[in-house]
Amino acid sequence: MGELVYLDHAATSWPKPPEVAAAMMEALLHSGANAGRGNHSLAVGAGRVLVRARALLADLFSVSNAQDIAFTHNTTMGLNMAIKGTLQPGDHVISTMTEHNSVRRPLEYLRRTIGVEVDYLQVDVNGQIDLLELQRTFRPNTRMVICNHSSNLLGSVLPVGTIGDMVKSHGAVFLVDAAQSAGSLHIDVGNMNIDLLAFPGHKGLLGPQGTGGLYISPHLDLEPLMHGGTGSQSENSDQPTVRPDRYEAGTQNAVGIAGLMAGVKAVRSLGTQQIHLQEWKLTQRLMEELSAIPGIRILGPGLGSQRSGIVAFVIEGQDSATVAHRLDREYNIAVRAGMHCTPLAHKAMDTLLSGAVRVSVGVSSTEEDVKRLLDAMIEMYGAAGTR
């Protein structure tokens, strides 16, 4: 079968750059204490890791003050912090049909429990919303607009800068889910009028699982999702007001953040523009050759259009899980099949019953990886028909 071909980077990037593992081992051996919980050398060393990583992330996203970035365990935690820390009874939220369950489920929870009102904007076959429809959906009580930068099913890229301008003009809060764009698409929170940016450490930023973050505009004061020890203002029974301590209760994953810092350095060395171009070229080849196989329908933007490194497709008469299973067991190729935690996007694409096969490339993907997948698909479902 040959060596493993890993094409599931939208779930998590792999393999990590060697320097990520090296940085984590260095932190574990030489600064493996609790940051901010002591003045001894190990604790100070752990604190330096957090400070440096925060500064690198601030530079990557054009954040003026690195203290406005709170570390989280993943994007899901960041989204929950942003949504539950902002919305109040009677607030109205605008989101889209392509959002991940990490957005939809907190919103539906708040709809049931405190009466938050939610509108999900329809998307077209390219995964784009109608900006005029967005404009018409604002209400006097619209508190927040939430959208992904790139859909984890369709690979579509929303015009977050244009949306941010519109949200700002209505005085609402703009939350962006950067799970599929951080590290591969340009993000400038100021120019894009992004108030809250949730991002993972383990995907395009090339860090380990269990890392991520949330940028919080200095103009916002979120209600903390968690309360507890921070190593600061310990005499007070209330959560500290100082950032980032207010949003980082409990022991930090300093070892993981050391790995994240190394991953971000690798991203900066390569450049997000170059990473995006490399991924885009691979997706274009995938789309062009997959579309030649009978019965395949590719979801999302067409050839030549902007998209992230995701190509999802369905095959007429074939179960997506079976396709992925065969690729794994017969060809040693790892892809993702099913609902991808975004059922509303599948509903919009009329794939709710079949699911889809998602191929996602990353910074380590090669032309040979793509060729292996294409050869396997042609052998399985080529012109001679399915078997």
Protein backbone atom coordinates (compact mmCIF):
# COMPACT_ATOMS: atom_id res chain seq x y z
CA MET A 1 0.00 0.00 0.00
CA GLY A 2 2.92 2.34 0.47
CA GLU A 3 3.52 4.89 3.20
CA LEU A 4 0.59 6.69 4.80
CA VAL A 5 -0.82 9.59 2.80
CA TYR A 6 -2.34 12.02 5.29
CA LEU A 7 -5.04 14.23 3.78
CA ASP A 8 -7.03 15.22 6.89
CA HIS A 9 -5.32 18.52 7.74
CA ALA A 10 -8.66 20.26 8.29
CA ALA A 11 -9.03 18.08 11.39
CA THR A 12 -5.45 18.50 12.58
CA SER A 13 -2.13 19.08 10.83
CA TRP A 14 0.28 16.14 10.66
CA PRO A 15 3.13 15.53 10.75
CA LYS A 16 4.23 18.48 12.87
CA PRO A 17 7.50 20.24 12.08
CA PRO A 18 10.36 18.57 14.01
CA GLU A 19 11.01 21.79 15.89
CA VAL A 20 7.55 21.55 17.49
CA ALA A 21 8.41 18.29 19.27
CA ALA A 22 11.85 19.66 20.15
CA ALA A 23 10.36 22.79 21.72
CA MET A 24 7.90 20.73 23.75
CA MET A 25 10.65 18.47 25.04
CA GLU A 26 12.79 21.48 25.92
CA ALA A 27 9.88 23.03 27.86
CA LEU A 28 9.10 19.76 29.62
CA LEU A 29 12.70 19.33 30.73
CA HIS A 30 13.66 22.90 31.54
CA SER A 31 10.54 24.99 32.16
CA GLY A 32 7.91 22.48 33.15
CA ALA A 33 6.44 24.41 36.06
CA ASN A 34 3.32 26.55 36.53
CA ALA A 35 3.59 29.92 34.82
CA GLY A 36 2.77 32.82 37.14
CA ARG A 37 2.75 30.60 40.23
CA GLY A 38 6.18 31.31 41.67
CA ASN A 39 9.44 33.20 41.31
CA HIS A 40 11.71 30.19 40.92
CA SER A 41 13.50 29.62 37.63
CA LEU A 42 11.23 26.88 36.28
CA ALA A 43 8.09 28.97 36.81
CA VAL A 44 9.74 32.04 35.30
CA GLY A 45 10.83 29.95 32.31
CA ALA A 46 7.27 28.72 31.75
CA GLY A 47 6.05 32.30 31.97
CA ARG A 48 8.50 33.37 29.28
CA VAL A 49 7.13 30.69 26.96
CA LEU A 50 3.62 32.09 27.29
CA VAL A 51 4.76 35.69 26.81
CA ARG A 52 6.76 34.88 23.68
CA ALA A 53 4.06 32.72 22.14
CA ARG A 54 1.44 35.39 22.81
CA ALA A 55 3.63 38.01 21.14
CA LEU A 56 4.13 35.84 18.04
CA LEU A 57 0.38 35.28 17.71
CA ALA A 58 -0.31 38.98 18.17
CA ASP A 59 2.09 39.76 15.35
CA LEU A 60 0.54 37.12 13.10
CA PHE A 61 -2.98 38.51 13.52
CA SER A 62 -1.96 42.21 13.75
CA VAL A 63 -3.14 42.47 17.36
CA SER A 64 -1.89 45.68 18.99
CA ASN A 65 -1.67 44.32 22.54
CA ALA A 66 -0.67 40.69 23.02
CA GLN A 67 -2.46 40.66 26.39
CA ASP A 68 -5.72 40.68 24.43
CA ILE A 69 -5.06 37.06 23.39
CA ALA A 70 -6.20 34.40 25.85
CA PHE A 71 -4.91 30.85 25.45
CA THR A 72 -7.53 28.10 25.20
CA HIS A 73 -7.53 24.33 24.75
CA ASN A 74 -8.98 24.60 21.22
CA THR A 75 -11.20 26.70 18.95
CA THR A 76 -14.34 25.25 20.53
CA MET A 77 -13.38 26.63 23.92
CA GLY A 78 -12.62 30.02 22.39
CA LEU A 79 -15.98 30.13 20.62
CA ASN A 80 -17.83 29.16 23.81
CA MET A 81 -15.95 31.86 25.74
CA ALA A 82 -16.90 34.45 23.12
CA ILE A 83 -20.54 33.44 22.71
CA LYS A 84 -21.47 32.74 26.32
CA GLY A 85 -19.39 35.63 27.62
CA THR A 86 -21.16 38.17 25.41
CA LEU A 87 -24.81 37.25 24.85
CA GLN A 88 -27.61 38.15 27.24
CA PRO A 89 -31.36 37.35 27.34
CA GLY A 90 -33.17 38.96 24.42
CA ASP A 91 -30.08 39.44 22.26
CA HIS A 92 -30.25 38.63 18.55
CA VAL A 93 -27.46 36.80 16.70
CA ILE A 94 -26.80 36.43 12.98
CA SER A 95 -24.80 33.43 11.82
CA THR A 96 -24.60 31.27 8.69
CA MET A 97 -25.57 27.81 7.48
CA THR A 98 -21.91 26.80 7.16
CA GLU A 99 -21.00 27.13 10.84
CA HIS A 100 -19.46 24.31 12.85
CA ASN A 101 -21.38 22.79 15.76
CA SER A 102 -18.94 24.67 18.02
CA VAL A 103 -20.97 27.75 17.04
CA ARG A 104 -24.40 26.24 16.48
CA ARG A 105 -24.64 24.23 19.71
CA PRO A 106 -23.76 27.12 22.08
CA LEU A 107 -26.22 29.32 20.19
CA GLU A 108 -29.00 26.74 20.40
CA TYR A 109 -28.23 26.23 24.09
CA LEU A 110 -28.62 29.96 24.72
CA ARG A 111 -31.77 30.04 22.60
CA ARG A 112 -33.31 27.34 24.83
CA THR A 113 -32.08 28.62 28.18
CA ILE A 114 -32.14 32.43 28.04
CA GLY A 115 -34.13 33.28 24.92
CA VAL A 116 -31.36 34.41 22.58
CA GLU A 117 -32.74 34.85 19.05
CA VAL A 118 -30.75 33.34 16.16
CA ASP A 119 -30.87 33.68 12.37
CA TYR A 120 -28.74 31.41 10.16
CA LEU A 121 -28.13 32.97 6.74
CA GLN A 122 -28.55 30.70 3.73
CA VAL A 123 -25.51 30.09 1.51
CA ASP A 124 -25.31 29.49 -2.23
CA VAL A 125 -23.63 26.50 -3.91
CA ASN A 126 -20.28 28.27 -3.53
CA GLY A 127 -20.74 28.66 0.22
CA GLN A 128 -21.23 32.43 0.04
CA ILE A 129 -23.84 34.47 1.88
CA ASP A 130 -25.90 37.24 0.30
CA LEU A 131 -24.54 40.47 1.79
CA LEU A 132 -27.82 42.26 1.05
CA GLU A 133 -29.64 39.55 3.01
CA LEU A 134 -27.19 40.06 5.87
CA GLN A 135 -27.95 43.78 5.81
CA ARG A 136 -31.70 43.11 5.93
CA THR A 137 -31.35 40.65 8.84
CA PHE A 138 -29.97 43.17 11.34
CA ARG A 139 -32.40 44.19 14.08
CA PRO A 140 -32.21 46.83 16.81
CA ASN A 141 -31.30 44.06 19.28
CA THR A 142 -28.65 42.39 17.07
CA ARG A 143 -25.76 41.93 19.46
CA MET A 144 -23.44 39.62 17.53
CA VAL A 145 -22.61 38.35 14.04
CA ILE A 146 -20.70 35.05 13.84
CA CYS A 147 -19.14 33.49 10.78
CA ASN A 148 -16.34 31.17 9.83
CA HIS A 149 -13.48 32.57 7.79
CA SER A 150 -13.48 29.36 5.78
CA SER A 151 -16.02 26.53 5.83
CA ASN A 152 -14.70 23.22 7.13
CA LEU A 153 -16.88 21.41 4.57
CA LEU A 154 -16.89 23.60 1.46
CA GLY A 155 -13.52 25.33 1.69
CA SER A 156 -15.31 28.58 0.81
CA VAL A 157 -13.76 31.80 2.10
CA LEU A 158 -16.09 34.52 3.34
CA PRO A 159 -15.27 38.24 2.86
CA VAL A 160 -14.72 38.85 6.55
CA GLY A 161 -13.40 42.37 5.99
CA THR A 162 -16.58 43.45 4.19
CA ILE A 163 -18.75 41.69 6.77
CA GLY A 164 -16.75 43.32 9.57
CA ASP A 165 -17.39 46.77 8.12
CA MET A 166 -21.11 46.06 8.02
CA VAL A 167 -21.17 44.68 11.57
CA LYS A 168 -19.30 47.73 12.87
CA SER A 169 -21.76 50.10 11.17
CA HIS A 170 -24.58 48.42 13.14
CA GLY A 171 -22.71 48.55 16.45
CA ALA A 172 -22.71 44.79 16.87
CA VAL A 173 -19.89 42.42 17.91
CA PHE A 174 -18.12 40.46 15.18
CA LEU A 175 -16.90 36.94 16.06
CA VAL A 176 -14.82 35.03 13.49
CA ASP A 177 -14.09 31.31 13.62
CA ALA A 178 -10.58 30.94 12.16
CA ALA A 179 -10.35 27.16 12.58
CA GLN A 180 -9.66 26.64 8.86
CA SER A 181 -7.80 29.86 8.10
CA ALA A 182 -5.32 30.67 10.88
CA GLY A 183 -1.89 30.07 9.42
CA SER A 184 -2.93 29.91 5.77
CA LEU A 185 -5.04 33.02 5.15
CA HIS A 186 -4.21 36.62 5.99
CA ILE A 187 -5.94 37.88 9.14
CA ASP A 188 -5.76 41.47 10.41
CA VAL A 189 -8.19 41.95 13.28
CA GLY A 190 -8.03 45.76 13.06
CA ASN A 191 -8.51 46.19 9.33
CA MET A 192 -11.18 43.48 9.27
CA ASN A 193 -13.03 44.94 12.29
CA ILE A 194 -12.88 41.58 14.07
CA ASP A 195 -13.85 41.91 17.74
CA LEU A 196 -13.37 38.25 18.66
CA LEU A 197 -11.17 35.73 16.84
CA ALA A 198 -11.16 32.07 17.88
CA PHE A 199 -8.34 29.96 16.48
CA PRO A 200 -6.79 26.49 16.94
CA GLY A 201 -3.15 25.78 17.62
CA HIS A 202 -3.19 22.28 16.15
CA LYS A 203 -4.29 22.95 12.56
CA GLY A 204 -2.74 25.58 10.28
CA LEU A 205 -0.53 26.92 13.06
CA LEU A 206 1.18 23.50 13.18
CA GLY A 207 1.18 23.22 16.98
CA PRO A 208 0.03 20.31 19.16
CA GLN A 209 -3.52 19.41 20.08
CA GLY A 210 -4.83 21.00 23.26
CA THR A 211 -3.78 24.51 22.21
CA GLY A 212 -5.62 27.47 20.75
CA GLY A 213 -6.66 30.99 21.59
CA LEU A 214 -9.20 33.78 21.56
CA TYR A 215 -8.46 37.38 20.63
CA ILE A 216 -10.72 39.71 22.62
CA SER A 217 -11.04 43.34 21.56
CA PRO A 218 -9.97 45.76 24.31
CA HIS A 219 -13.42 47.34 23.96
CA LEU A 220 -15.11 44.16 25.19
CA ASP A 221 -15.34 42.69 28.67
CA LEU A 222 -16.47 39.09 28.41
CA GLU A 223 -17.95 37.24 31.34
CA PRO A 224 -15.30 34.55 32.00
CA LEU A 225 -16.26 31.02 31.07
CA MET A 226 -14.19 29.66 33.99
CA HIS A 227 -13.34 31.06 37.41
CA GLY A 228 -10.40 29.99 39.52
CA GLY A 229 -6.73 30.41 40.25
CA THR A 230 -4.67 32.73 38.08
CA GLY A 231 -1.65 33.54 40.23
CA SER A 232 -2.74 37.20 40.35
CA GLN A 233 -5.03 39.20 42.66
CA SER A 234 -5.34 36.07 44.79
CA GLU A 235 -6.72 38.04 47.74
CA ASN A 236 -9.91 38.82 45.80
CA SER A 237 -12.86 36.45 45.57
CA ASP A 238 -13.74 37.78 42.13
CA GLN A 239 -11.96 36.82 38.96
CA PRO A 240 -9.12 39.28 38.16
CA THR A 241 -9.87 42.12 35.78
CA VAL A 242 -6.39 42.19 34.29
CA ARG A 243 -5.81 40.46 30.94
CA PRO A 244 -5.12 37.72 30.05
CA ASP A 245 -5.48 36.36 33.61
CA ARG A 246 -9.21 37.11 33.59
CA TYR A 247 -9.74 34.46 30.92
CA GLU A 248 -7.05 31.92 31.83
CA ALA A 249 -8.09 30.29 35.09
CA GLY A 250 -6.11 27.21 36.06
CA THR A 251 -2.76 25.78 35.06
CA GLN A 252 -1.75 26.58 31.51
CA ASN A 253 -0.54 24.03 28.97
CA ALA A 254 2.94 25.58 28.88
CA VAL A 255 4.47 22.55 27.18
CA GLY A 256 1.85 22.60 24.45
CA ILE A 257 2.16 26.37 24.04
CA ALA A 258 5.92 25.95 23.59
CA GLY A 259 5.11 23.63 20.70
CA LEU A 260 2.57 26.12 19.37
CA MET A 261 5.20 28.85 19.45
CA ALA A 262 7.51 26.69 17.35
CA GLY A 263 4.66 25.98 14.93
CA VAL A 264 3.87 29.68 14.53
CA LYS A 265 7.55 30.38 13.87
CA ALA A 266 7.47 27.78 11.09
CA VAL A 267 4.37 29.40 9.61
CA ARG A 268 5.99 32.84 9.72
CA SER A 269 9.12 31.49 8.09
CA LEU A 270 7.15 30.01 5.19
CA GLY A 271 4.65 32.88 4.98
CA THR A 272 0.86 32.53 4.99
CA GLN A 273 0.65 33.73 1.39
CA GLN A 274 3.02 31.00 0.19
CA ILE A 275 1.26 28.36 2.28
CA HIS A 276 -2.11 29.36 0.84
CA LEU A 277 -0.77 29.32 -2.73
CA GLN A 278 0.71 25.84 -2.26
CA GLU A 279 -2.54 24.49 -0.83
CA TRP A 280 -4.63 26.20 -3.52
CA LYS A 281 -2.61 24.63 -6.32
CA LEU A 282 -3.10 21.18 -4.83
CA THR A 283 -6.85 21.71 -4.44
CA GLN A 284 -7.13 22.83 -8.06
CA ARG A 285 -5.51 19.62 -9.28
CA LEU A 286 -7.74 17.57 -6.99
CA MET A 287 -10.88 19.27 -8.25
CA GLU A 288 -9.93 19.08 -11.90
CA GLU A 289 -9.14 15.36 -11.87
CA LEU A 290 -11.81 14.24 -9.41
CA SER A 291 -14.51 15.94 -11.47
CA ALA A 292 -13.55 13.70 -14.41
CA ILE A 293 -14.59 10.60 -12.47
CA PRO A 294 -18.21 9.60 -13.26
CA GLY A 295 -20.75 10.36 -10.56
CA ILE A 296 -18.58 12.70 -8.46
CA ARG A 297 -19.94 16.06 -7.34
CA ILE A 298 -17.49 18.46 -5.74
CA LEU A 299 -18.88 20.80 -3.10
CA GLY A 300 -18.06 24.47 -2.72
CA PRO A 301 -16.34 27.01 -4.99
CA GLY A 302 -15.49 25.96 -8.55
CA LEU A 303 -12.15 25.76 -10.29
CA GLY A 304 -10.17 28.99 -10.15
CA SER A 305 -12.10 30.40 -7.20
CA GLN A 306 -10.59 31.21 -3.83
CA ARG A 307 -10.83 28.39 -1.31
CA SER A 308 -8.89 26.95 1.59
CA GLY A 309 -7.14 23.57 1.37
CA ILE A 310 -10.39 21.57 1.50
CA VAL A 311 -12.05 19.56 -1.26
CA ALA A 312 -15.21 17.68 -0.27
CA PHE A 313 -17.18 15.52 -2.67
CA VAL A 314 -19.98 12.99 -2.94
CA ILE A 315 -20.23 10.01 -5.29
CA GLU A 316 -23.62 9.07 -6.65
CA GLY A 317 -24.78 5.82 -5.11
CA GLN A 318 -21.85 5.59 -2.70
CA ASP A 319 -21.78 6.02 1.06
CA SER A 320 -19.09 8.53 2.07
CA ALA A 321 -17.96 6.44 5.04
CA THR A 322 -17.43 3.43 2.78
CA VAL A 323 -15.30 5.48 0.39
CA ALA A 324 -13.11 6.75 3.24
CA HIS A 325 -12.86 3.27 4.73
CA ARG A 326 -11.66 1.79 1.46
CA LEU A 327 -9.10 4.57 0.97
CA ASP A 328 -7.75 3.83 4.44
CA ARG A 329 -7.74 0.04 4.38
CA GLU A 330 -6.87 -0.62 0.74
CA TYR A 331 -4.63 2.37 -0.08
CA ASN A 332 -3.35 3.73 3.28
CA ILE A 333 -4.83 7.17 2.58
CA ALA A 334 -6.38 9.13 5.46
CA VAL A 335 -9.37 11.36 4.66
CA ARG A 336 -12.51 12.31 6.59
CA ALA A 337 -16.08 11.29 5.83
CA GLY A 338 -19.47 12.06 7.35
CA MET A 339 -21.12 15.22 8.66
CA HIS A 340 -17.93 17.08 9.66
CA CYS A 341 -19.84 18.59 12.62
CA THR A 342 -21.65 20.98 10.27
CA PRO A 343 -25.11 19.57 9.51
CA LEU A 344 -26.58 22.89 8.36
CA ALA A 345 -23.93 23.13 5.63
CA HIS A 346 -24.81 19.61 4.51
CA LYS A 347 -28.47 20.59 4.51
CA ALA A 348 -27.66 23.59 2.31
CA MET A 349 -25.73 21.34 -0.09
CA ASP A 350 -28.39 18.57 -0.04
CA THR A 351 -25.89 16.05 1.35
CA LEU A 352 -27.43 15.56 4.77
CA LEU A 353 -28.25 11.90 4.08
CA SER A 354 -25.08 10.90 2.24
CA GLY A 355 -22.47 12.96 4.06
CA ALA A 356 -19.33 13.77 2.09
CA VAL A 357 -15.73 12.67 1.68
CA ARG A 358 -13.42 15.50 2.70
CA VAL A 359 -9.87 15.69 1.42
CA SER A 360 -7.82 18.43 3.07
CA VAL A 361 -4.25 19.38 2.28
CA GLY A 362 -1.74 21.19 4.47
CA VAL A 363 1.70 22.66 4.48
CA SER A 364 3.32 19.20 4.33
CA SER A 365 1.14 17.88 1.49
CA THR A 366 2.79 17.11 -1.84
CA GLU A 367 1.92 16.49 -5.48
CA GLU A 368 2.71 12.83 -4.86
CA ASP A 369 0.11 12.70 -2.05
CA VAL A 370 -2.51 14.08 -4.41
CA LYS A 371 -1.49 11.65 -7.16
CA ARG A 372 -1.83 8.69 -4.77
CA LEU A 373 -5.36 9.75 -3.89
CA LEU A 374 -6.37 10.36 -7.49
CA ASP A 375 -4.94 7.04 -8.64
CA ALA A 376 -6.86 5.27 -5.87
CA MET A 377 -10.12 7.01 -6.74
CA ILE A 378 -9.75 6.20 -10.44
CA GLU A 379 -9.03 2.56 -9.61
CA MET A 380 -12.05 2.42 -7.29
CA TYR A 381 -14.60 4.52 -9.17
CA GLY A 382 -13.11 5.34 -12.59
CA ALA A 383 -14.61 5.24 -16.05
CA ALA A 384 -15.30 1.52 -15.83
CA GLY A 385 -17.85 2.26 -13.11
CA THR A 386 -18.05 1.50 -9.43
CA ARG A 387 -17.21 -1.91 -8.07
